[in-house]
Protein backbone atom coordinates (compact mmCIF):
# COMPACT_ATOMS: atom_id res chain seq x y z
CA MET A 1 114.96 38.79 31.27
CA ILE A 2 115.80 41.43 28.65
CA TYR A 3 119.26 40.82 27.22
CA SER A 4 121.86 43.50 26.65
CA ARG A 5 122.94 44.15 23.05
CA LEU A 6 126.36 44.07 21.40
CA PRO A 7 127.61 44.95 17.91
CA ILE A 8 128.03 41.85 15.77
CA ARG A 9 131.77 42.53 15.42
CA ARG A 10 132.05 41.87 19.18
CA LEU A 11 130.47 38.46 18.67
CA GLY A 12 132.27 37.28 15.56
CA SER A 13 134.55 38.19 12.67
CA VAL A 14 132.85 39.89 9.74
CA PHE A 15 134.21 39.21 6.25
CA LEU A 16 133.01 40.28 2.79
CA GLY A 17 133.09 37.81 -0.08
CA LYS A 18 135.28 37.94 -3.18
CA MET A 19 134.42 39.89 -6.31
CA ILE A 20 133.63 37.63 -9.27
CA GLN A 21 136.80 36.51 -11.04
CA PRO A 22 135.71 34.81 -14.29
CA GLU A 23 139.20 34.36 -15.74
CA LEU A 24 142.49 32.82 -14.65
CA LYS A 25 144.94 35.47 -13.40
CA SER A 26 147.81 33.43 -11.96
CA ILE A 27 149.24 29.99 -12.60
CA GLY A 28 148.27 28.75 -9.14
CA ASP A 29 144.62 29.86 -9.31
CA VAL A 30 141.96 27.21 -8.77
CA ARG A 31 138.36 27.10 -9.94
CA ALA A 32 135.88 26.57 -7.11
CA PRO A 33 132.12 26.81 -6.49
CA TYR A 34 130.95 29.80 -4.48
CA LEU A 35 127.98 30.80 -2.34
CA ARG A 36 125.96 33.75 -3.61
CA ALA A 37 122.80 35.67 -2.74
CA ALA A 38 120.51 33.26 -4.62
CA HIS A 39 121.40 30.51 -2.14
CA VAL A 40 120.06 32.49 0.83
CA GLN A 41 116.26 32.52 0.96
CA PRO A 42 113.70 33.91 3.44
CA LEU A 43 113.25 32.33 6.88
CA GLY A 44 116.90 31.34 7.13
CA ARG A 45 116.80 28.77 4.32
CA LEU A 46 119.81 27.77 2.25
CA ILE A 47 118.79 26.22 -1.05
CA ASP A 48 120.63 24.41 -3.81
CA VAL A 49 120.92 26.34 -7.04
CA ASP A 50 123.03 25.71 -10.11
CA ASP A 51 126.59 25.71 -8.82
CA LYS A 52 128.65 28.43 -10.42
CA THR A 53 132.41 28.55 -10.19
CA MET A 54 135.06 31.25 -10.33
CA TRP A 55 138.80 31.51 -9.88
CA PHE A 56 140.47 31.89 -6.48
CA ASP A 57 144.12 31.86 -5.60
CA PRO A 58 144.71 29.27 -2.84
CA GLN A 59 145.10 31.93 -0.13
CA GLU A 60 141.82 33.59 -1.13
CA LEU A 61 140.02 30.25 -1.01
CA ARG A 62 141.32 29.66 2.50
CA LEU A 63 140.12 33.13 3.56
CA HIS A 64 136.73 32.62 1.93
CA ASP A 65 136.00 29.17 3.33
CA LEU A 66 132.62 28.20 4.83
CA ARG A 67 132.52 26.27 8.08
CA ASP A 68 129.85 24.73 10.22
CA GLY A 69 128.17 27.47 12.30
CA ASP A 70 129.13 30.40 10.03
CA VAL A 71 126.36 32.90 9.40
CA VAL A 72 125.98 34.18 5.83
CA ILE A 73 124.12 37.43 5.10
CA VAL A 74 122.94 38.90 1.78
CA GLU A 75 124.74 42.22 1.28
CA GLY A 76 122.53 44.04 -1.23
CA GLY A 77 119.66 43.96 -3.66
CA ALA A 78 116.10 42.79 -3.13
CA GLY A 79 117.11 40.16 -0.56
CA TYR A 80 119.46 42.34 1.50
CA GLY A 81 119.64 41.35 5.16
CA ARG A 82 118.54 37.74 4.62
CA SER A 83 120.66 35.35 6.62
CA ALA A 84 121.24 31.64 7.11
CA VAL A 85 123.58 29.46 9.13
CA ILE A 86 125.97 27.00 7.49
CA THR A 87 125.55 23.40 8.59
CA GLY A 88 128.60 21.26 7.99
CA ASP A 89 131.91 22.41 6.54
CA HIS A 90 131.68 23.31 2.83
CA ASP A 91 135.08 22.05 1.76
CA GLY A 92 136.37 23.64 -1.41
CA TRP A 93 133.74 26.38 -1.48
CA GLY A 94 134.17 30.15 -1.36
CA PHE A 95 131.66 32.98 -1.35
CA GLN A 96 130.98 35.99 -3.54
CA ASN A 97 130.89 39.65 -2.49
CA SER A 98 127.08 39.54 -2.49
CA ILE A 99 127.55 37.62 0.77
CA ILE A 100 128.97 38.67 4.14
CA ARG A 101 130.22 35.92 6.44
CA VAL A 102 130.05 36.19 10.22
CA ARG A 103 132.19 33.60 11.98
CA PRO A 104 131.17 33.44 15.66
CA ARG A 105 133.98 33.86 18.17
CA HIS A 106 134.80 30.90 20.38
CA ASN A 107 132.92 31.08 23.71
CA ARG A 108 131.20 34.29 22.60
CA ALA A 109 128.41 33.43 20.15
CA ASP A 110 126.34 30.61 18.65
CA GLY A 111 125.83 31.07 14.90
CA ARG A 112 122.30 29.73 15.10
CA PHE A 113 121.38 32.39 17.67
CA VAL A 114 122.99 35.15 15.57
CA ASN A 115 120.98 33.97 12.58
CA TYR A 116 117.71 34.04 14.51
CA ALA A 117 118.53 37.50 15.89
CA LEU A 118 119.09 38.75 12.34
CA GLN A 119 115.81 37.19 11.17
CA SER A 120 114.04 39.07 13.94
CA ALA A 121 115.77 42.33 13.04
CA LEU A 122 114.83 41.90 9.38
CA ALA A 123 111.17 41.26 10.23
CA LEU A 124 111.09 44.29 12.53
CA ARG A 125 112.67 46.42 9.74
CA GLN A 126 115.62 47.30 11.96
CA ILE A 127 118.03 46.29 9.19
CA GLU A 128 116.13 48.52 6.78
CA VAL A 129 116.69 51.47 9.13
CA ALA A 130 120.38 50.61 9.45
CA CYS A 131 120.78 50.63 5.67
CA PHE A 132 119.38 54.15 5.18
CA ILE A 133 117.61 53.06 2.01
CA SER A 134 117.58 55.57 -0.82
CA THR A 135 118.17 53.72 -4.09
CA ILE A 136 119.65 50.22 -3.81
CA PRO A 137 119.98 49.05 -0.19
CA HIS A 138 123.27 47.57 1.02
CA PHE A 139 123.88 45.88 4.35
CA THR A 140 127.62 46.34 4.06
CA ALA A 141 130.28 44.61 6.13
CA ASP A 142 130.78 47.80 8.15
CA LYS A 143 127.05 48.05 8.81
CA VAL A 144 126.84 44.37 9.74
CA GLY A 145 129.76 44.73 12.13
CA ALA A 146 128.19 47.78 13.81
CA PHE A 147 124.70 46.28 13.94
CA SER A 148 123.67 45.42 17.51
CA ILE A 149 121.79 42.26 18.44
CA PRO A 150 120.81 40.72 21.80
CA ALA A 151 123.81 39.03 23.42
CA PRO A 152 122.96 36.69 26.29
CA PRO A 153 125.65 34.31 27.64
CA LEU A 154 126.65 31.55 25.24
CA PRO A 155 124.76 28.75 27.09
CA ALA A 156 121.57 30.81 26.87
CA GLN A 157 122.17 31.47 23.16
CA SER A 158 122.52 27.74 22.50
CA ALA A 159 119.40 26.92 24.54
CA ILE A 160 117.39 29.54 22.65
CA ALA A 161 118.69 28.29 19.30
CA GLU A 162 117.78 24.69 20.12
CA TYR A 163 114.31 25.77 21.26
CA LEU A 164 113.76 27.80 18.07
CA ASP A 165 115.15 25.04 15.86
CA ARG A 166 112.55 22.70 17.32
CA GLU A 167 109.60 25.11 17.35
CA THR A 168 110.16 26.72 13.93
CA ALA A 169 110.61 23.28 12.36
CA LYS A 170 107.11 22.39 13.50
CA ILE A 171 105.66 25.64 12.19
CA ASP A 172 107.54 25.24 8.89
CA ALA A 173 106.15 21.71 8.53
CA LEU A 174 102.62 23.08 8.94
CA ILE A 175 103.31 25.80 6.38
CA SER A 176 104.71 23.26 3.91
CA LYS A 177 101.62 21.12 4.35
CA GLN A 178 99.38 24.08 3.52
CA ARG A 179 101.51 25.00 0.49
CA ARG A 180 101.12 21.47 -0.83
CA LEU A 181 97.39 21.77 -0.27
CA ILE A 182 97.30 25.06 -2.22
CA ALA A 183 99.22 23.46 -5.09
CA THR A 184 96.76 20.56 -5.17
CA LEU A 185 93.78 22.92 -5.10
CA ARG A 186 95.19 24.99 -7.96
CA GLU A 187 95.70 21.85 -10.00
CA ARG A 188 92.10 20.88 -9.26
CA ARG A 189 90.93 24.37 -10.28
CA ALA A 190 92.83 24.16 -13.58
CA ALA A 191 91.33 20.73 -14.21
CA VAL A 192 87.80 22.08 -13.63
CA VAL A 193 88.40 24.84 -16.19
CA GLY A 194 90.04 22.38 -18.60
CA ARG A 195 87.09 19.99 -18.48
CA ALA A 196 84.64 22.82 -19.16
CA ILE A 197 86.51 24.57 -22.01
CA GLY A 198 88.65 22.94 -24.67
CA PRO A 199 88.98 22.66 -28.46
CA GLU A 200 85.92 20.40 -28.55
CA THR A 201 83.69 22.91 -26.71
CA GLY A 202 82.63 24.67 -29.91
CA GLY A 203 83.74 25.76 -33.35
CA LEU A 204 87.05 27.62 -33.33
CA ARG A 205 86.94 31.33 -34.12
CA SER A 206 89.69 33.98 -34.30
CA LEU A 207 89.72 36.18 -31.22
CA GLY A 208 90.17 39.35 -33.26
CA GLY A 209 86.90 38.72 -35.13
CA LEU A 210 84.95 38.65 -31.87
CA SER A 211 86.05 42.05 -30.62
CA VAL A 212 84.65 45.54 -31.04
CA GLY A 213 87.29 47.64 -32.77
CA GLY A 214 89.94 44.89 -32.72
CA ILE A 215 92.56 44.22 -30.02
CA ALA A 216 93.61 47.58 -28.54
CA SER A 217 97.03 48.21 -26.99
CA GLY A 218 97.68 50.19 -23.82
CA VAL A 219 99.63 53.41 -23.40
CA ASP A 220 103.00 53.87 -21.70
CA PHE A 221 102.86 56.44 -18.93
CA SER A 222 105.54 57.13 -16.32
CA ALA A 223 104.35 60.25 -14.52
CA ASP A 224 103.68 60.23 -10.80
CA GLU A 225 100.33 60.60 -9.09
CA GLY A 226 97.90 62.64 -11.15
CA GLN A 227 94.87 64.72 -10.30
CA VAL A 228 91.79 63.41 -8.53
CA GLY A 229 89.14 62.73 -11.14
CA TRP A 230 91.55 61.51 -13.80
CA PRO A 231 91.23 57.80 -14.71
CA ARG A 232 93.36 55.45 -12.66
CA TYR A 233 96.12 53.61 -14.51
CA ILE A 234 96.36 49.79 -14.52
CA ARG A 235 99.76 48.15 -14.91
CA THR A 236 100.62 44.47 -15.33
CA THR A 237 101.68 44.22 -11.67
CA ASP A 238 98.20 45.37 -10.60
CA VAL A 239 96.48 42.36 -12.16
CA SER A 240 96.47 39.32 -9.90
CA GLY A 241 93.59 37.24 -11.20
CA MET A 242 90.63 37.07 -13.53
CA ALA A 243 88.57 39.47 -11.42
CA SER A 244 91.26 40.68 -9.02
CA LEU A 245 92.82 44.10 -9.31
CA HIS A 246 95.20 45.56 -6.74
CA ILE A 247 96.34 49.05 -7.68
CA HIS A 248 99.71 49.52 -5.96
CA THR A 249 100.03 53.25 -6.61
CA LEU A 250 97.69 56.16 -7.20
CA ARG A 251 98.93 56.86 -10.69
CA ARG A 252 96.39 58.60 -12.88
CA ILE A 253 96.33 59.80 -16.46
CA THR A 254 94.25 62.30 -18.40
CA VAL A 255 91.70 61.03 -20.90
CA GLU A 256 93.66 62.84 -23.60
CA GLN A 257 96.84 60.98 -22.64
CA ALA A 258 95.01 57.66 -22.51
CA GLY A 259 93.39 58.07 -25.91
CA ASP A 260 91.66 54.78 -26.75
CA SER A 261 93.56 52.94 -24.00
CA LEU A 262 90.59 52.90 -21.65
CA VAL A 263 88.88 49.92 -20.10
CA ARG A 264 85.14 49.84 -19.40
CA ARG A 265 82.72 47.33 -17.88
CA ASN A 266 83.06 43.82 -19.38
CA ASP A 267 86.33 44.63 -21.16
CA ILE A 268 89.07 42.02 -20.74
CA LEU A 269 92.74 42.90 -20.34
CA PHE A 270 95.44 40.42 -21.35
CA THR A 271 99.06 40.83 -20.29
CA ARG A 272 101.31 40.49 -23.32
CA SER A 273 104.70 40.57 -21.61
CA GLY A 274 106.26 39.09 -18.48
CA SER A 275 103.51 37.07 -16.79
CA LEU A 276 101.89 35.96 -20.02
CA GLY A 277 98.37 34.59 -19.88
CA THR A 278 97.27 36.68 -16.91
CA ASN A 279 93.95 38.34 -17.60
CA TYR A 280 91.49 40.66 -15.92
CA LEU A 281 87.75 41.03 -16.51
CA HIS A 282 86.67 44.57 -15.66
CA GLU A 283 83.30 44.24 -13.90
CA SER A 284 83.20 47.78 -12.53
CA ASP A 285 81.64 50.93 -13.97
CA GLU A 286 84.87 52.84 -13.26
CA VAL A 287 86.64 53.85 -16.47
CA MET A 288 90.37 53.18 -16.20
CA ALA A 289 93.46 53.47 -18.40
CA PHE A 290 95.84 50.55 -18.97
CA ALA A 291 99.54 50.13 -19.62
CA GLY A 292 101.43 49.38 -22.81
CA TYR A 293 102.27 45.80 -21.83
CA MET A 294 98.57 44.94 -21.91
CA VAL A 295 95.95 44.60 -24.63
CA ARG A 296 92.20 45.13 -24.38
CA PHE A 297 89.53 42.82 -25.73
CA ARG A 298 86.07 44.41 -25.96
CA THR A 299 83.58 41.66 -26.71
CA ARG A 300 80.92 41.62 -29.36
CA THR A 301 78.08 40.63 -27.05
CA ASP A 302 76.04 39.26 -29.98
CA LEU A 303 78.74 36.59 -30.40
CA CYS A 304 80.35 35.92 -27.04
CA VAL A 305 79.84 36.27 -23.29
CA PRO A 306 82.66 38.27 -21.57
CA ARG A 307 82.85 35.90 -18.60
CA TYR A 308 83.15 32.91 -20.94
CA VAL A 309 86.05 34.56 -22.81
CA ALA A 310 87.70 35.37 -19.48
CA TRP A 311 87.38 31.74 -18.35
CA TRP A 312 88.71 30.50 -21.69
CA SER A 313 91.79 32.69 -21.16
CA GLN A 314 92.52 30.64 -18.03
CA SER A 315 92.21 27.32 -19.85
CA ARG A 316 94.99 25.06 -21.08
CA HIS A 317 93.78 25.66 -24.65
CA HIS A 318 94.59 29.36 -24.28
CA GLN A 319 97.85 28.78 -22.40
CA ASP A 320 99.14 26.34 -25.03
CA GLN A 321 98.63 28.95 -27.74
CA ILE A 322 100.45 31.53 -25.62
CA ALA A 323 103.36 29.13 -25.10
CA LEU A 324 103.66 28.40 -28.82
CA GLY A 325 103.42 32.00 -29.95
CA ALA A 326 105.48 33.86 -27.35
CA SER A 327 108.70 35.45 -28.57
CA ARG A 328 111.44 35.26 -25.96
CA SER A 329 114.38 37.59 -25.59
CA THR A 330 114.98 38.85 -22.07
CA ILE A 331 111.28 38.64 -21.18
CA ASP A 332 108.42 36.73 -22.77
CA ASN A 333 106.37 38.79 -25.22
CA PHE A 334 103.11 38.18 -27.07
CA SER A 335 102.09 40.87 -29.55
CA GLY A 336 98.62 42.27 -30.07
CA SER A 337 98.59 40.85 -33.61
CA LYS A 338 99.15 37.36 -32.18
CA PHE A 339 96.22 37.82 -29.82
CA ARG A 340 94.03 38.65 -32.83
CA THR A 341 94.87 35.32 -34.49
CA MET A 342 94.31 33.16 -31.40
CA LYS A 343 91.56 30.58 -31.74
CA ILE A 344 88.76 30.31 -29.19
CA PRO A 345 86.14 27.52 -29.07
CA LEU A 346 82.77 29.24 -29.38
CA PRO A 347 79.55 27.38 -28.52
CA PRO A 348 76.15 29.15 -28.65
CA LEU A 349 75.59 32.08 -26.24
CA THR A 350 73.33 30.02 -23.96
CA GLU A 351 76.05 27.37 -23.60
CA GLN A 352 78.69 30.04 -22.98
CA ARG A 353 76.57 31.43 -20.12
CA ARG A 354 76.02 27.95 -18.69
CA ILE A 355 79.77 27.20 -18.75
CA ALA A 356 80.62 30.56 -17.17
CA ASP A 357 78.01 30.07 -14.41
CA HIS A 358 79.29 26.55 -13.75
CA LEU A 359 82.91 27.73 -13.47
CA ASP A 360 81.93 30.66 -11.25
CA GLU A 361 80.29 28.22 -8.85
CA GLN A 362 82.90 25.46 -8.88
CA THR A 363 85.98 27.67 -8.67
CA ALA A 364 84.44 29.82 -5.91
CA LYS A 365 84.49 26.77 -3.62
CA ILE A 366 88.10 26.01 -4.47
CA ASP A 367 89.13 29.67 -4.15
CA THR A 368 87.61 29.78 -0.65
CA LEU A 369 89.75 26.82 0.40
CA ILE A 370 92.87 28.40 -1.16
CA ALA A 371 92.18 31.68 0.67
CA LYS A 372 91.84 29.83 3.99
CA ALA A 373 95.14 28.00 3.43
CA GLU A 374 96.88 31.25 2.45
CA ARG A 375 95.54 32.91 5.60
CA PHE A 376 96.81 29.96 7.64
CA ILE A 377 100.29 30.45 6.16
CA GLU A 378 100.16 34.19 6.86
CA VAL A 379 99.17 33.65 10.50
CA SER A 380 101.79 30.91 10.90
CA GLN A 381 104.57 33.14 9.54
CA GLU A 382 103.50 35.96 11.86
CA ARG A 383 103.56 33.52 14.78
CA ARG A 384 106.99 32.25 13.72
CA SER A 385 108.41 35.76 13.56
CA ALA A 386 106.90 36.76 16.90
CA LEU A 387 108.22 33.59 18.54
CA ILE A 388 111.77 34.24 17.29
CA THR A 389 111.71 37.85 18.49
CA ALA A 390 110.36 36.89 21.90
CA ALA A 391 113.00 34.19 22.35
CA VAL A 392 116.09 36.12 21.21
CA THR A 393 115.17 39.23 23.23
CA GLY A 394 114.52 37.32 26.44
CA GLN A 395 110.78 38.00 26.59
CA ILE A 396 110.20 34.29 27.18
CA ASP A 397 112.26 31.85 29.19
CA VAL A 398 112.78 28.90 26.86
CA ARG A 399 113.53 26.61 29.80
CA LYS A 400 109.88 26.92 30.84
CA HIS A 401 108.65 25.93 27.43
CA GLU A 402 110.11 22.46 27.08
CA GLY A 403 107.54 20.33 25.32
CA SER A 404 105.39 23.35 24.44
CA ALA A 405 105.51 22.39 20.79
CA GLY A 406 102.36 20.40 21.37
CA ALA A 407 100.51 23.64 20.76
CA LEU A 408 101.83 23.49 17.21
CA SER A 409 100.63 20.00 16.52
CA SER A 410 100.03 19.21 12.86
CA SER A 411 96.61 17.84 13.86
CA LYS A 412 95.41 21.42 14.29
CA THR A 413 93.30 22.85 11.50
CA PRO A 414 93.80 26.35 10.07
CA ALA A 415 90.74 27.45 12.09
CA ASP A 416 92.31 26.08 15.30
CA TRP A 417 95.57 27.83 14.51
CA GLU A 418 93.89 31.17 13.80
CA ALA A 419 91.80 30.96 16.94
CA GLN A 420 94.91 30.45 19.05
CA TYR A 421 97.34 32.84 17.41
CA ALA A 422 95.33 35.48 15.51
């Protein structure tokens, strides 16, 4: 059965939160904690964050209360359209104007169903279309009220919500298990690198003395896509691992604009701001430019092996020096001059090659397991989203699927899961 659709305002009252009031305005005002966008996370999760408070007059606090079954929706910003359902009355709480509250009407809607319908709409990018995104998207109260979702009879909504509560909990448990596995594998990977490279590995040398031409800084460049044939332009967000590069845009720059800010085979890029300690070993023959928040290390091959230096930059010895030397204002920053003074343990070239070969081999096994677990999570999330959409739109009859959660048993391996749901 395909359900008819109704605007959300027909299913519940839509109410925008209160603008931040940091100071007392009237004698009767009270200070109270409030729900904000940071509380509402993907997949309908409400998390605990540091409770902030603001002033409400008593009438405002009554209007901005949060009751069991209310649906809260993020109004704007990066998380716009995220939703969650309130479980249990939140006595003494209000909510900020980054949140829109939908209070289901008696005998008309189940908040859990409304929440699942909104999760489906967000995944299908229907909310994105409704927001007419140009600069900063806003899923305003008017847009929420006018937004249509499936609207089966209330008993069917409750049955669907109970079915999805049960089924998504099982999927979420599997995802959590894989995330714990990934965390364990990453700890194991770090331990492998730490055992192979540390202060005792060799005599300590200054990084700047091991480079050709010193530590070179990148060039700031903000133009849009350039001409074919110009060098591509690497930014900090493009670097995702020691040998992983994912260029998100086709930005290019002329050689004249790049100047000396070019990276060639076996050069190493270090990020010096934001995600400090991230590095990239360029193992391609493609000549590329790099951004100002990065520095380039071009190795003296008579003294050090590029892959060894790249592995050292993933070690705890390197990270500890970064942590001690970073200057912090709004974002972490580590200057090129600080990179030059960093100390690296430097054994003979033959030992450097042996260590690099050993780490290539050992981490490749761990990385394969991490990739499999990440793929499992991706497939599971796709399955979760498809299941929600099918249930809220009436494509499946949940009454025929009682007990079907056995298909989601935690005894299944990632390979089993992919074979069934890929």
